[in-house]
Amino acid sequence: MDEKALAKALQEKWIAGAAVDVYEEEPVNPQNPLFNLPNVITTPHIAGISIQSSEERISLVVKRLLAALAGEKPQGLANPEVWDIYLQKMKKQ
């Protein structure tokens, strides 16, 4: 996101408001001009964190871990090229 362009659009009322959770630079500079605008809601890159999202994330991790331990390829495997190596190691145990 171009923060300078967003600040200008907000100041000149090209847009009514904005909610910002991700910034050009993180950690964010406390002097960021978006923080002083009355039509901006800002969060510290945690807008998606809630009790419900944390419970869902934990549940998914447990389900995928149990699937892997049962020899089932877990959904969303980040590096699928290691799956066969994992299965071979599990068979040796």
PDB file of N, CA and C in Angstrom:
ATOM      1  N   MET A   1       0.840  -1.168   0.000  1.00  0.00           N
ATOM      2  CA  MET A   1       0.000   0.000   0.000  1.00  0.00           C
ATOM      3  C   MET A   1       0.891   1.239   0.000  1.00  0.00           C
ATOM      4  N   ASP A   2       0.471   2.230  -0.701  1.00  0.00           N
ATOM      5  CA  ASP A   2       1.179   3.508  -0.728  1.00  0.00           C
ATOM      6  C   ASP A   2       0.572   4.399   0.354  1.00  0.00           C
ATOM      7  N   GLU A   3       1.232   4.474   1.500  1.00  0.00           N
ATOM      8  CA  GLU A   3       0.686   5.203   2.645  1.00  0.00           C
ATOM      9  C   GLU A   3       0.538   6.694   2.370  1.00  0.00           C
ATOM     10  N   LYS A   4       1.475   7.269   1.625  1.00  0.00           N
ATOM     11  CA  LYS A   4       1.377   8.701   1.320  1.00  0.00           C
ATOM     12  C   LYS A   4       0.149   8.983   0.463  1.00  0.00           C
ATOM     13  N   ALA A   5      -0.091   8.122  -0.517  1.00  0.00           N
ATOM     14  CA  ALA A   5      -1.265   8.297  -1.378  1.00  0.00           C
ATOM     15  C   ALA A   5      -2.551   8.106  -0.587  1.00  0.00           C
ATOM     16  N   LEU A   6      -2.550   7.128   0.322  1.00  0.00           N
ATOM     17  CA  LEU A   6      -3.734   6.899   1.149  1.00  0.00           C
ATOM     18  C   LEU A   6      -3.991   8.103   2.048  1.00  0.00           C
ATOM     19  N   ALA A   7      -2.950   8.615   2.674  1.00  0.00           N
ATOM     20  CA  ALA A   7      -3.108   9.786   3.556  1.00  0.00           C
ATOM     21  C   ALA A   7      -3.660  10.964   2.771  1.00  0.00           C
ATOM     22  N   LYS A   8      -3.152  11.179   1.579  1.00  0.00           N
ATOM     23  CA  LYS A   8      -3.638  12.284   0.739  1.00  0.00           C
ATOM     24  C   LYS A   8      -5.112  12.085   0.377  1.00  0.00           C
ATOM     25  N   ALA A   9      -5.466  10.878  -0.019  1.00  0.00           N
ATOM     26  CA  ALA A   9      -6.853  10.579  -0.391  1.00  0.00           C
ATOM     27  C   ALA A   9      -7.797  10.789   0.793  1.00  0.00           C
ATOM     28  N   LEU A  10      -7.341  10.448   1.976  1.00  0.00           N
ATOM     29  CA  LEU A  10      -8.161  10.640   3.176  1.00  0.00           C
ATOM     30  C   LEU A  10      -8.275  12.112   3.558  1.00  0.00           C
ATOM     31  N   GLN A  11      -7.159  12.817   3.502  1.00  0.00           N
ATOM     32  CA  GLN A  11      -7.158  14.233   3.855  1.00  0.00           C
ATOM     33  C   GLN A  11      -8.006  15.055   2.882  1.00  0.00           C
ATOM     34  N   GLU A  12      -7.945  14.702   1.608  1.00  0.00           N
ATOM     35  CA  GLU A  12      -8.680  15.449   0.590  1.00  0.00           C
ATOM     36  C   GLU A  12     -10.072  14.880   0.343  1.00  0.00           C
ATOM     37  N   LYS A  13     -10.462  13.925   1.176  1.00  0.00           N
ATOM     38  CA  LYS A  13     -11.814  13.336   1.144  1.00  0.00           C
ATOM     39  C   LYS A  13     -12.144  12.633  -0.179  1.00  0.00           C
ATOM     40  N   TRP A  14     -11.101  12.099  -0.838  1.00  0.00           N
ATOM     41  CA  TRP A  14     -11.363  11.284  -2.029  1.00  0.00           C
ATOM     42  C   TRP A  14     -12.031   9.987  -1.606  1.00  0.00           C
ATOM     43  N   ILE A  15     -11.679   9.557  -0.387  1.00  0.00           N
ATOM     44  CA  ILE A  15     -12.326   8.402   0.218  1.00  0.00           C
ATOM     45  C   ILE A  15     -12.739   8.796   1.637  1.00  0.00           C
ATOM     46  N   ALA A  16     -13.770   8.153   2.141  1.00  0.00           N
ATOM     47  CA  ALA A  16     -14.335   8.546   3.436  1.00  0.00           C
ATOM     48  C   ALA A  16     -13.512   8.064   4.619  1.00  0.00           C
ATOM     49  N   GLY A  17     -12.892   6.911   4.494  1.00  0.00           N
ATOM     50  CA  GLY A  17     -12.150   6.370   5.625  1.00  0.00           C
ATOM     51  C   GLY A  17     -11.361   5.144   5.224  1.00  0.00           C
ATOM     52  N   ALA A  18     -10.545   4.685   6.151  1.00  0.00           N
ATOM     53  CA  ALA A  18      -9.731   3.495   5.898  1.00  0.00           C
ATOM     54  C   ALA A  18      -9.460   2.773   7.203  1.00  0.00           C
ATOM     55  N   ALA A  19      -9.275   1.472   7.109  1.00  0.00           N
ATOM     56  CA  ALA A  19      -8.831   0.647   8.222  1.00  0.00           C
ATOM     57  C   ALA A  19      -7.523  -0.001   7.775  1.00  0.00           C
ATOM     58  N   VAL A  20      -6.486   0.176   8.576  1.00  0.00           N
ATOM     59  CA  VAL A  20      -5.147  -0.266   8.175  1.00  0.00           C
ATOM     60  C   VAL A  20      -4.593  -1.226   9.220  1.00  0.00           C
ATOM     61  N   ASP A  21      -4.128  -2.374   8.750  1.00  0.00           N
ATOM     62  CA  ASP A  21      -3.543  -3.383   9.626  1.00  0.00           C
ATOM     63  C   ASP A  21      -2.118  -3.734   9.197  1.00  0.00           C
ATOM     64  N   VAL A  22      -1.744  -3.389   7.976  1.00  0.00           N
ATOM     65  CA  VAL A  22      -0.419  -3.685   7.433  1.00  0.00           C
ATOM     66  C   VAL A  22       0.169  -2.374   6.926  1.00  0.00           C
ATOM     67  N   TYR A  23       1.436  -2.178   7.176  1.00  0.00           N
ATOM     68  CA  TYR A  23       2.085  -0.911   6.862  1.00  0.00           C
ATOM     69  C   TYR A  23       3.268  -1.128   5.929  1.00  0.00           C
ATOM     70  N   GLU A  24       3.688  -0.038   5.272  1.00  0.00           N
ATOM     71  CA  GLU A  24       4.840  -0.127   4.367  1.00  0.00           C
ATOM     72  C   GLU A  24       6.075  -0.614   5.106  1.00  0.00           C
ATOM     73  N   GLU A  25       6.283  -0.102   6.313  1.00  0.00           N
ATOM     74  CA  GLU A  25       7.420  -0.519   7.126  1.00  0.00           C
ATOM     75  C   GLU A  25       6.910  -1.040   8.463  1.00  0.00           C
ATOM     76  N   GLU A  26       7.428  -2.173   8.863  1.00  0.00           N
ATOM     77  CA  GLU A  26       7.084  -2.713  10.177  1.00  0.00           C
ATOM     78  C   GLU A  26       8.369  -3.099  10.884  1.00  0.00           C
ATOM     79  N   PRO A  27       8.557  -2.772  12.138  1.00  0.00           N
ATOM     80  CA  PRO A  27       7.551  -2.128  12.967  1.00  0.00           C
ATOM     81  C   PRO A  27       7.234  -0.735  12.447  1.00  0.00           C
ATOM     82  N   VAL A  28       6.015  -0.335  12.651  1.00  0.00           N
ATOM     83  CA  VAL A  28       5.537   0.939  12.128  1.00  0.00           C
ATOM     84  C   VAL A  28       6.120   2.103  12.931  1.00  0.00           C
ATOM     85  N   ASN A  29       6.415   3.163  12.221  1.00  0.00           N
ATOM     86  CA  ASN A  29       6.939   4.381  12.837  1.00  0.00           C
ATOM     87  C   ASN A  29       5.809   5.064  13.609  1.00  0.00           C
ATOM     88  N   PRO A  30       6.011   5.377  14.881  1.00  0.00           N
ATOM     89  CA  PRO A  30       4.958   6.042  15.662  1.00  0.00           C
ATOM     90  C   PRO A  30       4.542   7.396  15.088  1.00  0.00           C
ATOM     91  N   GLN A  31       5.381   7.973  14.248  1.00  0.00           N
ATOM     92  CA  GLN A  31       5.067   9.264  13.621  1.00  0.00           C
ATOM     93  C   GLN A  31       4.313   9.091  12.297  1.00  0.00           C
ATOM     94  N   ASN A  32       3.892   7.898  11.986  1.00  0.00           N
ATOM     95  CA  ASN A  32       3.166   7.639  10.738  1.00  0.00           C
ATOM     96  C   ASN A  32       1.982   8.607  10.640  1.00  0.00           C
ATOM     97  N   PRO A  33       1.851   9.342   9.528  1.00  0.00           N
ATOM     98  CA  PRO A  33       0.776  10.331   9.401  1.00  0.00           C
ATOM     99  C   PRO A  33      -0.630   9.744   9.453  1.00  0.00           C
ATOM    100  N   LEU A  34      -0.777   8.474   9.161  1.00  0.00           N
ATOM    101  CA  LEU A  34      -2.105   7.853   9.222  1.00  0.00           C
ATOM    102  C   LEU A  34      -2.649   7.841  10.646  1.00  0.00           C
ATOM    103  N   PHE A  35      -1.762   7.827  11.635  1.00  0.00           N
ATOM    104  CA  PHE A  35      -2.195   7.769  13.032  1.00  0.00           C
ATOM    105  C   PHE A  35      -2.906   9.041  13.483  1.00  0.00           C
ATOM    106  N   ASN A  36      -2.694  10.127  12.783  1.00  0.00           N
ATOM    107  CA  ASN A  36      -3.274  11.413  13.197  1.00  0.00           C
ATOM    108  C   ASN A  36      -4.539  11.772  12.434  1.00  0.00           C
ATOM    109  N   LEU A  37      -4.983  10.911  11.559  1.00  0.00           N
ATOM    110  CA  LEU A  37      -6.173  11.221  10.770  1.00  0.00           C
ATOM    111  C   LEU A  37      -7.418  10.695  11.480  1.00  0.00           C
ATOM    112  N   PRO A  38      -8.459  11.518  11.575  1.00  0.00           N
ATOM    113  CA  PRO A  38      -9.666  11.101  12.302  1.00  0.00           C
ATOM    114  C   PRO A  38     -10.495  10.048  11.568  1.00  0.00           C
ATOM    115  N   ASN A  39     -10.241   9.870  10.279  1.00  0.00           N
ATOM    116  CA  ASN A  39     -11.025   8.923   9.490  1.00  0.00           C
ATOM    117  C   ASN A  39     -10.250   7.636   9.191  1.00  0.00           C
ATOM    118  N   VAL A  40      -9.326   7.288  10.096  1.00  0.00           N
ATOM    119  CA  VAL A  40      -8.525   6.069   9.925  1.00  0.00           C
ATOM    120  C   VAL A  40      -8.584   5.246  11.214  1.00  0.00           C
ATOM    121  N   ILE A  41      -8.793   3.950  11.044  1.00  0.00           N
ATOM    122  CA  ILE A  41      -8.691   2.997  12.146  1.00  0.00           C
ATOM    123  C   ILE A  41      -7.422   2.196  11.893  1.00  0.00           C
ATOM    124  N   THR A  42      -6.559   2.129  12.888  1.00  0.00           N
ATOM    125  CA  THR A  42      -5.323   1.370  12.726  1.00  0.00           C
ATOM    126  C   THR A  42      -5.232   0.283  13.781  1.00  0.00           C
ATOM    127  N   THR A  43      -4.623  -0.824  13.412  1.00  0.00           N
ATOM    128  CA  THR A  43      -4.349  -1.901  14.347  1.00  0.00           C
ATOM    129  C   THR A  43      -2.902  -2.352  14.135  1.00  0.00           C
ATOM    130  N   PRO A  44      -2.285  -2.950  15.123  1.00  0.00           N
ATOM    131  CA  PRO A  44      -0.875  -3.342  15.034  1.00  0.00           C
ATOM    132  C   PRO A  44      -0.659  -4.700  14.363  1.00  0.00           C
ATOM    133  N   HIS A  45      -1.206  -4.871  13.178  1.00  0.00           N
ATOM    134  CA  HIS A  45      -1.047  -6.095  12.384  1.00  0.00           C
ATOM    135  C   HIS A  45      -1.599  -7.322  13.123  1.00  0.00           C
ATOM    136  N   ILE A  46      -2.694  -7.119  13.833  1.00  0.00           N
ATOM    137  CA  ILE A  46      -3.335  -8.222  14.549  1.00  0.00           C
ATOM    138  C   ILE A  46      -4.845  -8.217  14.363  1.00  0.00           C
ATOM    139  N   ALA A  47      -5.321  -7.548  13.334  1.00  0.00           N
ATOM    140  CA  ALA A  47      -6.767  -7.392  13.168  1.00  0.00           C
ATOM    141  C   ALA A  47      -7.493  -8.736  13.064  1.00  0.00           C
ATOM    142  N   GLY A  48      -6.829  -9.750  12.558  1.00  0.00           N
ATOM    143  CA  GLY A  48      -7.477 -11.047  12.401  1.00  0.00           C
ATOM    144  C   GLY A  48      -7.404 -11.934  13.628  1.00  0.00           C
ATOM    145  N   ILE A  49      -6.812 -11.443  14.697  1.00  0.00           N
ATOM    146  CA  ILE A  49      -6.646 -12.253  15.892  1.00  0.00           C
ATOM    147  C   ILE A  49      -7.847 -12.068  16.815  1.00  0.00           C
ATOM    148  N   SER A  50      -8.486 -13.161  17.121  1.00  0.00           N
ATOM    149  CA  SER A  50      -9.605 -13.162  18.053  1.00  0.00           C
ATOM    150  C   SER A  50      -9.616 -14.507  18.756  1.00  0.00           C
ATOM    151  N   ILE A  51     -10.451 -14.642  19.755  1.00  0.00           N
ATOM    152  CA  ILE A  51     -10.570 -15.931  20.436  1.00  0.00           C
ATOM    153  C   ILE A  51     -11.015 -16.989  19.435  1.00  0.00           C
ATOM    154  N   GLN A  52     -12.000 -16.640  18.611  1.00  0.00           N
ATOM    155  CA  GLN A  52     -12.521 -17.608  17.648  1.00  0.00           C
ATOM    156  C   GLN A  52     -11.461 -18.000  16.612  1.00  0.00           C
ATOM    157  N   SER A  53     -10.720 -17.025  16.087  1.00  0.00           N
ATOM    158  CA  SER A  53      -9.713 -17.368  15.081  1.00  0.00           C
ATOM    159  C   SER A  53      -8.582 -18.184  15.697  1.00  0.00           C
ATOM    160  N   SER A  54      -8.236 -17.896  16.949  1.00  0.00           N
ATOM    161  CA  SER A  54      -7.199 -18.676  17.632  1.00  0.00           C
ATOM    162  C   SER A  54      -7.657 -20.109  17.864  1.00  0.00           C
ATOM    163  N   GLU A  55      -8.908 -20.293  18.281  1.00  0.00           N
ATOM    164  CA  GLU A  55      -9.441 -21.642  18.485  1.00  0.00           C
ATOM    165  C   GLU A  55      -9.470 -22.413  17.174  1.00  0.00           C
ATOM    166  N   GLU A  56      -9.876 -21.751  16.097  1.00  0.00           N
ATOM    167  CA  GLU A  56      -9.926 -22.412  14.777  1.00  0.00           C
ATOM    168  C   GLU A  56      -8.524 -22.794  14.318  1.00  0.00           C
ATOM    169  N   ARG A  57      -7.553 -21.908  14.517  1.00  0.00           N
ATOM    170  CA  ARG A  57      -6.172 -22.182  14.117  1.00  0.00           C
ATOM    171  C   ARG A  57      -5.631 -23.378  14.888  1.00  0.00           C
ATOM    172  N   ILE A  58      -5.874 -23.425  16.193  1.00  0.00           N
ATOM    173  CA  ILE A  58      -5.419 -24.546  17.024  1.00  0.00           C
ATOM    174  C   ILE A  58      -6.066 -25.842  16.546  1.00  0.00           C
ATOM    175  N   SER A  59      -7.356 -25.798  16.275  1.00  0.00           N
ATOM    176  CA  SER A  59      -8.075 -26.981  15.809  1.00  0.00           C
ATOM    177  C   SER A  59      -7.490 -27.497  14.501  1.00  0.00           C
ATOM    178  N   LEU A  60      -7.210 -26.592  13.565  1.00  0.00           N
ATOM    179  CA  LEU A  60      -6.635 -27.009  12.284  1.00  0.00           C
ATOM    180  C   LEU A  60      -5.251 -27.624  12.458  1.00  0.00           C
ATOM    181  N   VAL A  61      -4.440 -27.034  13.326  1.00  0.00           N
ATOM    182  CA  VAL A  61      -3.098 -27.572  13.565  1.00  0.00           C
ATOM    183  C   VAL A  61      -3.191 -28.986  14.119  1.00  0.00           C
ATOM    184  N   VAL A  62      -4.056 -29.192  15.094  1.00  0.00           N
ATOM    185  CA  VAL A  62      -4.206 -30.513  15.704  1.00  0.00           C
ATOM    186  C   VAL A  62      -4.703 -31.527  14.668  1.00  0.00           C
ATOM    187  N   LYS A  63      -5.721 -31.161  13.882  1.00  0.00           N
ATOM    188  CA  LYS A  63      -6.254 -32.076  12.861  1.00  0.00           C
ATOM    189  C   LYS A  63      -5.179 -32.460  11.854  1.00  0.00           C
ATOM    190  N   ARG A  64      -4.386 -31.485  11.425  1.00  0.00           N
ATOM    191  CA  ARG A  64      -3.345 -31.778  10.435  1.00  0.00           C
ATOM    192  C   ARG A  64      -2.209 -32.592  11.033  1.00  0.00           C
ATOM    193  N   LEU A  65      -1.888 -32.333  12.287  1.00  0.00           N
ATOM    194  CA  LEU A  65      -0.865 -33.126  12.957  1.00  0.00           C
ATOM    195  C   LEU A  65      -1.321 -34.569  13.112  1.00  0.00           C
ATOM    196  N   LEU A  66      -2.554 -34.774  13.548  1.00  0.00           N
ATOM    197  CA  LEU A  66      -3.082 -36.131  13.683  1.00  0.00           C
ATOM    198  C   LEU A  66      -3.142 -36.844  12.338  1.00  0.00           C
ATOM    199  N   ALA A  67      -3.498 -36.115  11.281  1.00  0.00           N
ATOM    200  CA  ALA A  67      -3.523 -36.704   9.941  1.00  0.00           C
ATOM    201  C   ALA A  67      -2.121 -37.153   9.539  1.00  0.00           C
ATOM    202  N   ALA A  68      -1.135 -36.303   9.779  1.00  0.00           N
ATOM    203  CA  ALA A  68       0.241 -36.659   9.422  1.00  0.00           C
ATOM    204  C   ALA A  68       0.710 -37.879  10.206  1.00  0.00           C
ATOM    205  N   LEU A  69       0.396 -37.928  11.488  1.00  0.00           N
ATOM    206  CA  LEU A  69       0.794 -39.075  12.309  1.00  0.00           C
ATOM    207  C   LEU A  69       0.093 -40.357  11.868  1.00  0.00           C
ATOM    208  N   ALA A  70      -1.084 -40.221  11.254  1.00  0.00           N
ATOM    209  CA  ALA A  70      -1.825 -41.380  10.747  1.00  0.00           C
ATOM    210  C   ALA A  70      -1.392 -41.746   9.330  1.00  0.00           C
ATOM    211  N   GLY A  71      -0.413 -41.011   8.790  1.00  0.00           N
ATOM    212  CA  GLY A  71       0.078 -41.313   7.446  1.00  0.00           C
ATOM    213  C   GLY A  71      -0.723 -40.651   6.335  1.00  0.00           C
ATOM    214  N   GLU A  72      -1.609 -39.760   6.688  1.00  0.00           N
ATOM    215  CA  GLU A  72      -2.394 -39.038   5.686  1.00  0.00           C
ATOM    216  C   GLU A  72      -1.710 -37.706   5.394  1.00  0.00           C
ATOM    217  N   LYS A  73      -1.573 -37.402   4.133  1.00  0.00           N
ATOM    218  CA  LYS A  73      -0.943 -36.140   3.753  1.00  0.00           C
ATOM    219  C   LYS A  73      -1.841 -34.989   4.196  1.00  0.00           C
ATOM    220  N   PRO A  74      -1.320 -34.133   5.067  1.00  0.00           N
ATOM    221  CA  PRO A  74      -2.158 -33.047   5.567  1.00  0.00           C
ATOM    222  C   PRO A  74      -2.461 -32.009   4.495  1.00  0.00           C
ATOM    223  N   GLN A  75      -3.666 -31.472   4.555  1.00  0.00           N
ATOM    224  CA  GLN A  75      -4.082 -30.431   3.629  1.00  0.00           C
ATOM    225  C   GLN A  75      -3.206 -29.192   3.835  1.00  0.00           C
ATOM    226  N   GLY A  76      -2.828 -28.538   2.754  1.00  0.00           N
ATOM    227  CA  GLY A  76      -2.074 -27.297   2.836  1.00  0.00           C
ATOM    228  C   GLY A  76      -0.612 -27.473   3.196  1.00  0.00           C
ATOM    229  N   LEU A  77      -0.054 -28.654   2.946  1.00  0.00           N
ATOM    230  CA  LEU A  77       1.349 -28.916   3.269  1.00  0.00           C
ATOM    231  C   LEU A  77       2.234 -27.911   2.523  1.00  0.00           C
ATOM    232  N   ALA A  78       3.035 -27.164   3.262  1.00  0.00           N
ATOM    233  CA  ALA A  78       3.837 -26.084   2.682  1.00  0.00           C
ATOM    234  C   ALA A  78       4.964 -26.607   1.796  1.00  0.00           C
ATOM    235  N   ASN A  79       5.536 -27.753   2.134  1.00  0.00           N
ATOM    236  CA  ASN A  79       6.639 -28.309   1.346  1.00  0.00           C
ATOM    237  C   ASN A  79       6.339 -29.778   1.021  1.00  0.00           C
ATOM    238  N   PRO A  80       5.444 -30.008   0.064  1.00  0.00           N
ATOM    239  CA  PRO A  80       5.008 -31.379  -0.235  1.00  0.00           C
ATOM    240  C   PRO A  80       6.128 -32.302  -0.704  1.00  0.00           C
ATOM    241  N   GLU A  81       7.244 -31.734  -1.141  1.00  0.00           N
ATOM    242  CA  GLU A  81       8.340 -32.578  -1.610  1.00  0.00           C
ATOM    243  C   GLU A  81       8.964 -33.420  -0.493  1.00  0.00           C
ATOM    244  N   VAL A  82       8.699 -33.089   0.760  1.00  0.00           N
ATOM    245  CA  VAL A  82       9.259 -33.861   1.867  1.00  0.00           C
ATOM    246  C   VAL A  82       8.307 -34.946   2.366  1.00  0.00           C
ATOM    247  N   TRP A  83       7.103 -34.996   1.835  1.00  0.00           N
ATOM    248  CA  TRP A  83       6.107 -35.938   2.345  1.00  0.00           C
ATOM    249  C   TRP A  83       6.582 -37.386   2.221  1.00  0.00           C
ATOM    250  N   ASP A  84       7.107 -37.766   1.073  1.00  0.00           N
ATOM    251  CA  ASP A  84       7.564 -39.148   0.888  1.00  0.00           C
ATOM    252  C   ASP A  84       8.713 -39.487   1.839  1.00  0.00           C
ATOM    253  N   ILE A  85       9.600 -38.548   2.089  1.00  0.00           N
ATOM    254  CA  ILE A  85      10.703 -38.766   3.028  1.00  0.00           C
ATOM    255  C   ILE A  85      10.141 -38.986   4.428  1.00  0.00           C
ATOM    256  N   TYR A  86       9.150 -38.190   4.799  1.00  0.00           N
ATOM    257  CA  TYR A  86       8.504 -38.344   6.112  1.00  0.00           C
ATOM    258  C   TYR A  86       7.880 -39.731   6.246  1.00  0.00           C
ATOM    259  N   LEU A  87       7.163 -40.163   5.212  1.00  0.00           N
ATOM    260  CA  LEU A  87       6.517 -41.477   5.265  1.00  0.00           C
ATOM    261  C   LEU A  87       7.541 -42.594   5.419  1.00  0.00           C
ATOM    262  N   GLN A  88       8.658 -42.495   4.715  1.00  0.00           N
ATOM    263  CA  GLN A  88       9.709 -43.505   4.821  1.00  0.00           C
ATOM    264  C   GLN A  88      10.274 -43.549   6.250  1.00  0.00           C
ATOM    265  N   LYS A  89      10.473 -42.400   6.847  1.00  0.00           N
ATOM    266  CA  LYS A  89      11.006 -42.357   8.210  1.00  0.00           C
ATOM    267  C   LYS A  89       9.995 -42.935   9.197  1.00  0.00           C
ATOM    268  N   MET A  90       8.725 -42.675   8.974  1.00  0.00           N
ATOM    269  CA  MET A  90       7.686 -43.190   9.872  1.00  0.00           C
ATOM    270  C   MET A  90       7.606 -44.719   9.795  1.00  0.00           C
ATOM    271  N   LYS A  91       7.808 -45.278   8.602  1.00  0.00           N
ATOM    272  CA  LYS A  91       7.747 -46.741   8.438  1.00  0.00           C
ATOM    273  C   LYS A  91       8.901 -47.422   9.170  1.00  0.00           C
ATOM    274  N   LYS A  92      10.043 -46.750   9.305  1.00  0.00           N
ATOM    275  CA  LYS A  92      11.212 -47.330   9.956  1.00  0.00           C
ATOM    276  C   LYS A  92      11.029 -47.377  11.477  1.00  0.00           C
ATOM    277  N   GLN A  93      10.111 -46.610  11.994  1.00  0.00           N
ATOM    278  CA  GLN A  93       9.956 -46.555  13.450  1.00  0.00           C
ATOM    279  C   GLN A  93       9.120 -47.669  13.966  1.00  0.00           C
TER     280      GLN A  93
END
